[in-house]
Protein backbone atom coordinates (compact mmCIF):
# COMPACT_ATOMS: atom_id res chain seq x y z
CA MET A 1 -9.10 34.58 -7.46
CA ASN A 2 -9.03 31.97 -4.66
CA LEU A 3 -8.01 28.51 -4.75
CA ASN A 4 -9.06 25.54 -2.02
CA GLU A 5 -7.23 26.20 0.83
CA GLN A 6 -8.01 22.69 2.33
CA PHE A 7 -4.77 22.01 -0.24
CA GLU A 8 -2.58 24.23 1.99
CA GLN A 9 -2.68 21.13 4.50
CA PHE A 10 -1.31 18.38 2.36
CA ARG A 11 1.92 18.07 0.51
CA GLN A 12 2.97 16.26 -2.42
CA SER A 13 3.66 12.41 -1.97
CA PRO A 14 7.17 11.99 -0.40
CA THR A 15 7.80 9.44 -2.25
CA VAL A 16 7.06 10.78 -5.63
CA ALA A 17 9.09 14.06 -4.56
CA MET A 18 11.89 11.99 -3.82
CA GLY A 19 11.57 9.79 -7.12
CA ASP A 20 11.43 13.24 -8.84
CA ARG A 21 14.84 14.59 -7.30
CA ILE A 22 16.60 11.68 -7.85
CA SER A 23 15.23 10.98 -11.61
CA ALA A 24 17.08 14.20 -11.98
CA LEU A 25 20.46 13.61 -10.16
CA LYS A 26 20.66 10.64 -12.53
CA ALA A 27 19.60 12.80 -15.42
CA SER A 28 23.04 14.74 -14.50
CA GLY A 29 24.82 11.99 -14.74
CA LYS A 30 25.12 11.12 -10.66
CA LYS A 31 25.10 7.48 -9.44
CA ILE A 32 22.22 7.07 -7.06
CA ILE A 33 20.88 3.82 -5.28
CA GLY A 34 17.11 4.53 -5.11
CA LEU A 35 15.54 2.94 -2.50
CA GLN A 36 12.48 4.98 -2.07
CA GLN A 37 10.58 3.20 -4.55
CA GLY A 38 7.12 1.74 -4.18
CA ASP A 39 7.77 0.13 -7.73
CA PRO A 40 8.28 -3.32 -7.92
CA ASP A 41 11.90 -3.68 -9.98
CA PHE A 42 10.00 -6.22 -12.25
CA SER A 43 8.82 -6.01 -15.75
CA THR A 44 5.17 -6.74 -16.48
CA PRO A 45 5.05 -10.49 -17.38
CA GLN A 46 5.69 -10.68 -21.16
CA ALA A 47 2.44 -12.37 -21.13
CA VAL A 48 0.15 -10.12 -20.29
CA ILE A 49 1.77 -7.25 -22.53
CA ASP A 50 1.16 -10.06 -25.19
CA VAL A 51 -2.59 -9.91 -24.36
CA ALA A 52 -2.53 -6.55 -24.53
CA CYS A 53 -1.05 -5.57 -27.68
CA LYS A 54 -2.83 -8.47 -28.91
CA ALA A 55 -6.57 -6.61 -27.17
CA LEU A 56 -5.26 -3.27 -29.16
CA GLN A 57 -4.79 -4.58 -32.47
CA GLU A 58 -8.86 -6.13 -31.69
CA GLY A 59 -10.10 -3.06 -31.01
CA LEU A 60 -10.64 -2.94 -27.73
CA THR A 61 -10.11 0.86 -27.65
CA HIS A 62 -13.44 2.55 -26.63
CA TYR A 63 -15.46 2.59 -23.54
CA GLY A 64 -15.83 -0.16 -21.38
CA PRO A 65 -18.42 -1.12 -18.67
CA SER A 66 -18.28 0.98 -15.71
CA ARG A 67 -18.28 -1.21 -13.45
CA GLY A 68 -15.72 -3.49 -15.49
CA ARG A 69 -15.68 -6.16 -18.01
CA PRO A 70 -17.25 -9.58 -16.95
CA ASP A 71 -14.66 -11.49 -17.62
CA LEU A 72 -12.02 -9.41 -15.42
CA LEU A 73 -14.48 -9.33 -13.04
CA ASN A 74 -15.46 -12.89 -13.00
CA ALA A 75 -11.39 -13.23 -12.50
CA ILE A 76 -11.37 -10.86 -9.01
CA ALA A 77 -14.27 -12.78 -8.05
CA SER A 78 -12.40 -16.16 -8.35
CA LYS A 79 -9.22 -14.44 -7.04
CA LEU A 80 -10.40 -13.59 -3.70
CA MET A 81 -12.20 -17.43 -3.33
CA ARG A 82 -8.71 -18.86 -4.40
CA ASP A 83 -6.53 -16.76 -2.07
CA GLU A 84 -9.15 -15.43 0.56
CA GLY A 85 -11.67 -17.86 0.66
CA ILE A 86 -14.61 -15.03 0.11
CA SER A 87 -17.22 -15.46 -2.20
CA TYR A 88 -18.66 -11.98 -4.12
CA ASP A 89 -20.63 -11.75 -6.56
CA PRO A 90 -19.17 -10.72 -9.58
CA ALA A 91 -22.24 -8.73 -11.14
CA SER A 92 -22.77 -6.75 -8.11
CA GLU A 93 -19.96 -6.83 -5.49
CA ILE A 94 -16.73 -6.00 -7.40
CA ILE A 95 -15.87 -3.23 -9.21
CA VAL A 96 -13.14 -2.16 -11.58
CA THR A 97 -10.79 0.83 -10.30
CA HIS A 98 -7.95 3.23 -11.62
CA GLY A 99 -5.50 1.43 -9.28
CA GLY A 100 -5.92 1.18 -5.52
CA ILE A 101 -6.06 4.56 -4.80
CA HIS A 102 -9.20 5.12 -7.18
CA ALA A 103 -10.57 1.79 -5.23
CA TYR A 104 -9.93 3.79 -2.43
CA PHE A 105 -11.39 6.87 -3.29
CA SER A 106 -14.61 5.43 -4.25
CA ALA A 107 -15.05 3.41 -1.30
CA MET A 108 -14.64 6.32 0.95
CA GLN A 109 -17.08 8.55 -1.38
CA SER A 110 -19.80 5.52 -0.85
CA ILE A 111 -19.47 5.60 3.00
CA LEU A 112 -18.63 8.94 4.24
CA ASN A 113 -20.66 12.44 4.52
CA PRO A 114 -18.58 15.41 5.05
CA GLY A 115 -18.16 15.74 9.06
CA ASP A 116 -17.96 12.08 9.34
CA GLU A 117 -14.86 10.61 11.46
CA VAL A 118 -12.76 7.86 10.16
CA LEU A 119 -9.65 6.04 12.53
CA ILE A 120 -6.62 5.42 10.75
CA PRO A 121 -3.05 3.93 12.08
CA ASP A 122 0.05 6.47 12.89
CA PRO A 123 2.28 5.78 11.00
CA THR A 124 0.68 4.27 7.69
CA TRP A 125 0.10 5.66 3.89
CA ALA A 126 -0.01 9.28 3.63
CA THR A 127 -2.81 8.74 1.10
CA HIS A 128 -5.49 7.42 3.53
CA VAL A 129 -5.23 10.11 5.47
CA ASN A 130 -4.88 12.49 2.80
CA LEU A 131 -7.76 11.73 0.88
CA ALA A 132 -10.21 10.86 3.98
CA MET A 133 -9.70 14.85 4.59
CA MET A 134 -9.94 15.62 0.64
CA LEU A 135 -13.26 14.13 1.39
CA ARG A 136 -14.04 16.53 4.13
CA ALA A 137 -14.00 13.70 6.69
CA GLU A 138 -12.58 13.97 10.17
CA VAL A 139 -9.37 11.75 11.06
CA THR A 140 -8.32 10.86 13.97
CA ARG A 141 -4.80 8.76 14.11
CA VAL A 142 -4.57 5.82 16.55
CA PRO A 143 -1.43 5.43 17.83
CA ALA A 144 0.72 2.16 16.54
CA PRO A 145 4.16 2.94 18.13
CA ALA A 146 7.25 0.44 17.54
CA GLU A 147 7.10 -0.28 20.94
CA ALA A 148 3.83 -2.08 20.11
CA GLY A 149 5.23 -3.95 16.80
CA PHE A 150 3.97 -0.62 15.01
CA ILE A 151 -0.06 -2.14 16.04
CA PRO A 152 -2.63 0.01 17.59
CA SER A 153 -3.53 -1.40 21.29
CA PHE A 154 -7.67 -1.85 21.93
CA ASP A 155 -7.76 0.35 24.52
CA SER A 156 -6.14 3.29 21.82
CA TRP A 157 -8.75 2.66 19.90
CA ALA A 158 -11.13 2.56 22.18
CA ARG A 159 -10.19 5.86 23.45
CA ALA A 160 -10.55 6.82 20.12
CA VAL A 161 -13.90 5.87 18.96
CA SER A 162 -16.75 8.86 19.42
CA PRO A 163 -19.87 8.92 18.14
CA LYS A 164 -18.90 10.57 14.88
CA THR A 165 -16.78 7.41 13.63
CA ARG A 166 -18.04 5.80 10.51
CA ALA A 167 -14.93 3.66 9.81
CA ILE A 168 -11.54 2.13 10.36
CA ILE A 169 -9.29 2.23 7.78
CA VAL A 170 -6.36 -0.19 7.70
CA ASN A 171 -3.03 -1.59 5.41
CA TYR A 172 -1.95 -5.03 6.06
CA PRO A 173 0.83 -5.99 4.66
CA SER A 174 1.42 -1.96 5.90
CA ASN A 175 2.98 0.61 3.88
CA PRO A 176 5.59 1.29 5.45
CA THR A 177 6.50 -1.16 8.16
CA GLY A 178 5.30 -4.35 6.53
CA ILE A 179 3.81 -5.47 10.12
CA VAL A 180 1.03 -8.29 9.32
CA PRO A 181 -1.06 -8.81 13.06
CA SER A 182 -2.12 -11.73 13.67
CA ARG A 183 -4.89 -13.54 12.87
CA GLU A 184 -6.58 -13.43 16.42
CA TYR A 185 -6.09 -9.53 16.64
CA LEU A 186 -7.77 -8.86 13.32
CA GLN A 187 -11.01 -10.67 14.38
CA GLN A 188 -11.03 -8.95 17.70
CA LEU A 189 -10.40 -5.61 15.06
CA GLN A 190 -13.63 -7.01 14.01
CA GLU A 191 -15.50 -7.35 16.69
CA PHE A 192 -14.62 -4.12 17.91
CA ALA A 193 -15.86 -2.57 14.62
CA LYS A 194 -19.46 -4.62 14.97
CA ALA A 195 -19.85 -3.26 18.66
CA HIS A 196 -19.06 -0.19 17.27
CA ASP A 197 -21.34 -0.02 13.87
CA LEU A 198 -18.39 0.77 11.78
CA TRP A 199 -17.14 -0.07 8.41
CA VAL A 200 -13.83 -1.47 8.16
CA ILE A 201 -11.76 -0.50 4.94
CA THR A 202 -9.11 -2.95 4.34
CA ASP A 203 -6.26 -1.93 2.01
CA GLU A 204 -5.01 -5.38 1.22
CA VAL A 205 -2.62 -4.18 -1.97
CA TYR A 206 0.76 -6.23 -0.65
CA ASP A 207 -1.58 -8.98 0.43
CA SER A 208 0.39 -11.67 -1.68
CA LEU A 209 3.54 -10.36 -0.75
CA TYR A 210 4.48 -11.97 2.55
CA PHE A 211 7.16 -13.89 3.75
CA GLU A 212 6.15 -16.01 6.77
CA GLU A 213 2.06 -16.87 7.21
CA LYS A 214 0.21 -15.77 4.67
CA PRO A 215 -1.94 -12.79 5.33
CA THR A 216 -5.67 -13.05 6.66
CA SER A 217 -8.17 -11.12 5.21
CA LEU A 218 -10.35 -8.76 7.39
CA ALA A 219 -12.98 -9.79 5.40
CA SER A 220 -12.90 -13.33 5.90
CA PHE A 221 -13.79 -13.97 9.48
CA GLU A 222 -17.96 -15.13 9.78
CA GLY A 223 -20.10 -11.75 9.68
CA ALA A 224 -17.30 -9.85 8.48
CA LYS A 225 -18.14 -9.12 4.93
CA GLU A 226 -21.43 -7.23 5.16
CA ARG A 227 -19.30 -4.38 6.85
CA THR A 228 -15.87 -4.53 5.11
CA LEU A 229 -14.36 -2.84 2.10
CA ILE A 230 -12.04 -4.50 0.36
CA ILE A 231 -9.43 -2.75 -2.08
CA GLN A 232 -6.78 -4.42 -3.89
CA SER A 233 -4.72 -4.05 -6.94
CA LEU A 234 -2.24 -5.53 -9.72
CA SER A 235 0.14 -3.16 -9.42
CA LYS A 236 3.00 -4.81 -6.96
CA THR A 237 1.88 -8.66 -7.18
CA TYR A 238 1.94 -8.47 -11.22
CA ALA A 239 4.94 -5.67 -11.38
CA MET A 240 1.39 -3.47 -13.13
CA THR A 241 2.10 -0.31 -11.07
CA GLY A 242 1.58 1.86 -14.50
CA TRP A 243 -1.50 0.16 -15.98
CA ARG A 244 -3.38 1.13 -13.23
CA VAL A 245 -6.25 -1.27 -12.26
CA GLY A 246 -7.37 -2.24 -9.37
CA PHE A 247 -10.34 -2.89 -8.16
CA LEU A 248 -12.85 -3.13 -5.01
CA ALA A 249 -15.34 -5.92 -3.23
CA ALA A 250 -17.51 -4.76 -1.05
CA PRO A 251 -21.50 -5.00 -0.09
CA LYS A 252 -24.02 -4.24 -3.13
CA ARG A 253 -25.15 -0.89 -1.68
CA VAL A 254 -21.95 0.22 -1.39
CA ILE A 255 -20.72 -0.92 -5.08
CA SER A 256 -24.08 0.44 -6.30
CA ASN A 257 -22.68 4.01 -4.70
CA ALA A 258 -19.06 3.23 -5.86
CA VAL A 259 -20.54 2.43 -9.62
CA LYS A 260 -21.27 6.21 -9.27
CA ALA A 261 -18.35 7.39 -8.39
CA GLY A 262 -16.52 6.03 -11.37
CA GLN A 263 -19.09 7.25 -14.12
CA ASN A 264 -17.96 10.61 -12.39
CA SER A 265 -14.83 10.39 -12.25
CA ILE A 266 -12.96 7.92 -14.56
CA THR A 267 -15.62 6.56 -16.75
CA CYS A 268 -14.26 3.29 -16.29
CA VAL A 269 -10.61 1.87 -16.81
CA ALA A 270 -9.37 0.68 -20.61
CA PRO A 271 -11.02 -2.16 -21.71
CA PHE A 272 -7.63 -3.80 -23.01
CA ILE A 273 -6.05 -3.38 -19.84
CA GLN A 274 -9.01 -4.88 -18.01
CA LYS A 275 -8.41 -7.94 -20.43
CA ALA A 276 -4.79 -8.12 -19.57
CA SER A 277 -5.48 -8.22 -16.19
CA ALA A 278 -7.75 -10.73 -15.98
CA PHE A 279 -5.74 -13.20 -17.87
CA ALA A 280 -2.91 -12.17 -15.32
CA LEU A 281 -5.06 -12.53 -12.63
CA THR A 282 -6.10 -16.48 -14.12
CA ASP A 283 -2.93 -17.78 -16.25
CA PRO A 284 -1.06 -20.39 -14.64
CA GLY A 285 2.22 -18.89 -16.06
CA VAL A 286 1.62 -15.50 -14.63
CA GLN A 287 0.85 -16.98 -11.46
CA GLN A 288 4.39 -18.88 -11.45
CA GLU A 289 5.79 -15.75 -12.53
CA THR A 290 4.86 -13.58 -9.55
CA ALA A 291 5.58 -16.74 -7.30
CA LYS A 292 9.29 -15.85 -8.49
CA MET A 293 9.06 -12.09 -7.81
CA ARG A 294 8.14 -13.00 -3.67
CA GLU A 295 11.13 -15.13 -3.62
CA ALA A 296 13.31 -12.64 -5.22
CA TYR A 297 12.39 -9.98 -2.26
CA THR A 298 12.38 -12.94 0.42
CA ARG A 299 15.53 -13.28 -0.37
CA ARG A 300 16.25 -9.45 -0.20
CA ARG A 301 14.57 -9.21 3.18
CA ALA A 302 16.70 -12.15 4.14
CA LEU A 303 19.87 -10.47 2.99
CA VAL A 304 18.94 -7.14 5.18
CA MET A 305 18.36 -9.00 7.89
CA LYS A 306 21.86 -11.00 7.66
CA LEU A 307 23.74 -7.95 7.36
CA SER A 308 22.24 -6.11 10.49
CA ALA A 309 23.54 -8.77 12.51
CA GLU A 310 26.38 -8.88 10.78
CA LEU A 311 26.88 -5.14 10.53
CA GLU A 312 25.57 -5.16 15.06
CA SER A 313 24.69 -1.26 14.18
CA ASP A 314 23.27 0.47 17.84
CA LYS A 315 21.74 3.51 15.29
CA VAL A 316 20.15 0.78 12.64
CA ARG A 317 17.74 -1.40 13.89
CA VAL A 318 15.74 -3.47 11.67
CA THR A 319 11.48 -4.38 12.65
CA PRO A 320 11.86 -7.90 10.44
CA PRO A 321 8.79 -7.20 7.67
CA GLN A 322 6.22 -9.70 7.53
CA GLY A 323 5.06 -8.71 3.96
CA ALA A 324 5.20 -5.94 1.19
CA PHE A 325 8.52 -4.77 0.05
CA TYR A 326 9.93 -2.18 2.67
CA CYS A 327 12.22 -2.05 5.82
CA PHE A 328 11.26 0.11 8.08
CA LEU A 329 14.76 1.12 9.48
CA ASP A 330 15.06 3.00 13.18
CA LEU A 331 17.38 5.19 13.18
CA ARG A 332 16.20 7.03 16.15
CA ALA A 333 19.28 6.40 18.66
CA LEU A 334 20.63 9.73 16.49
CA LYS A 335 18.18 11.89 17.70
CA MET A 336 18.12 13.53 14.36
CA ASN A 337 15.12 14.51 12.21
CA ASP A 338 14.55 11.80 9.80
CA VAL A 339 13.65 14.16 6.70
CA GLU A 340 17.17 15.67 7.40
CA MET A 341 18.36 12.48 7.41
CA CYS A 342 17.65 11.23 4.03
CA GLU A 343 18.39 14.47 2.69
CA ARG A 344 21.83 13.77 3.91
CA ILE A 345 22.00 10.03 3.37
CA LEU A 346 21.15 11.38 -0.67
CA GLU A 347 24.13 13.73 -1.12
CA GLU A 348 26.55 12.17 0.97
CA LYS A 349 25.94 8.28 0.26
CA SER A 350 23.77 8.86 -2.98
CA VAL A 351 21.08 6.74 -1.35
CA GLY A 352 17.50 7.45 -1.83
CA LEU A 353 15.54 6.97 1.11
CA VAL A 354 11.54 8.12 2.31
CA PRO A 355 11.61 9.44 6.09
CA GLY A 356 9.16 7.60 8.64
CA SER A 357 8.03 10.95 9.39
CA ALA A 358 5.85 11.11 5.86
CA PHE A 359 3.73 8.54 7.28
CA GLY A 360 2.68 9.82 10.77
CA ASP A 361 4.26 11.50 13.65
CA LEU A 362 5.16 8.20 14.82
CA GLY A 363 7.58 7.77 12.25
CA GLU A 364 9.83 10.39 13.20
CA GLY A 365 13.32 9.44 13.35
CA PHE A 366 12.89 6.43 11.00
CA ILE A 367 13.32 5.92 7.16
CA ARG A 368 11.56 3.82 4.82
CA MET A 369 13.91 1.73 2.93
CA SER A 370 12.42 -0.10 0.09
CA ILE A 371 13.83 -3.93 -1.19
CA ALA A 372 12.10 -3.85 -4.58
CA ALA A 373 15.47 -3.20 -6.06
CA SER A 374 18.48 -5.66 -7.03
CA ASP A 375 20.28 -7.65 -4.71
CA GLU A 376 23.22 -5.67 -4.83
CA GLU A 377 21.20 -2.49 -4.80
CA VAL A 378 19.55 -3.82 -1.07
CA GLU A 379 23.09 -4.97 -0.01
CA MET A 380 24.96 -1.95 -1.20
CA GLY A 381 22.38 0.70 -0.33
CA PHE A 382 21.92 -1.24 3.58
CA ARG A 383 25.43 -0.28 3.77
CA ARG A 384 25.73 3.03 3.13
CA ILE A 385 23.20 3.43 5.69
CA VAL A 386 24.80 2.34 8.67
CA GLU A 387 28.23 3.53 7.45
CA TRP A 388 26.52 7.25 7.42
CA ALA A 389 24.81 6.39 10.49
CA GLU A 390 27.89 5.09 11.97
CA GLU A 391 29.91 8.59 11.08
CA GLN A 392 26.92 10.62 13.22
CA GLY A 393 27.94 11.69 16.81
CA VAL A 394 24.62 11.36 18.90
CA GLN A 395 23.47 14.71 19.53
């Protein structure tokens, strides 16, 4: 009996695979510094947990509206106005999803036909490419090399676009690089999309985790909302990865399709989770807790940059991240395969990392290090990475 041959093109998430391996090593008694994770090291705010528990006790354990509960839809609309300055109708321009991945999946299902082409920067989060291919879209990778600050040039965008192109897919702040383009660049990207009649899917799940200037949403420019689909979730900002709740904000006709996609895939997001999520988005105390989380990431980012300056390694270079909670470390000077590097650092220095090639060909020679770990683990892990690199002879 045959299987879907398309899946031979994919591999399991390298982050999940590394996490599983580290869990097994820890279970065997080995002490590992896990800097591979894209999961906050903070607990979900207790007040959010309390609201969810109360909702369970009150009987919110049955089906909910497939578009989302009105309280959460209103909270999302308020959040988008508060943080991005964009007005969305909660009744027709927003849908609650089973995390950010499902929001992206629903967005792609809603706008693409088989054979349509999408443009995706290289490097970027692997799921952007994999889900597009699962939906029978054709993917064109647009070079975003380190030498260009991990941002595609407009000459590269222009060379990549074709009559089959239907959408641009971007993720800022970026996983894995932490890069945030300037407002001027993003506005020019919207003008490029308009000129070529393209949808823009913008993955903004790290929008609240920034270290310098607040990122600009791609939907915030005049006239951009009508062609832009915003993907967000509560996973990173609120330390709610396991709750699996996100949302898609988009034009009404896109949401109409997304509702059908949701009804035929997840039915709805659990109502007690939705109620707790609405509380998380609106409660001032919870906002204070998330601000403290961002302060911790900011401190750890500064710690890595300080260590990088002190250690003065010409084999490990750090591009300062502007957002998210990753450092994309450049070890190309070693002229070694990045998968092998991660394997050896794990075996020899007990530090878990993700190879840069998991995010695209232009990630080769890099490794992604998460700072979603304690200050002590971040410092010890980075020191061990540099120590390991300095022990290697250039081949």
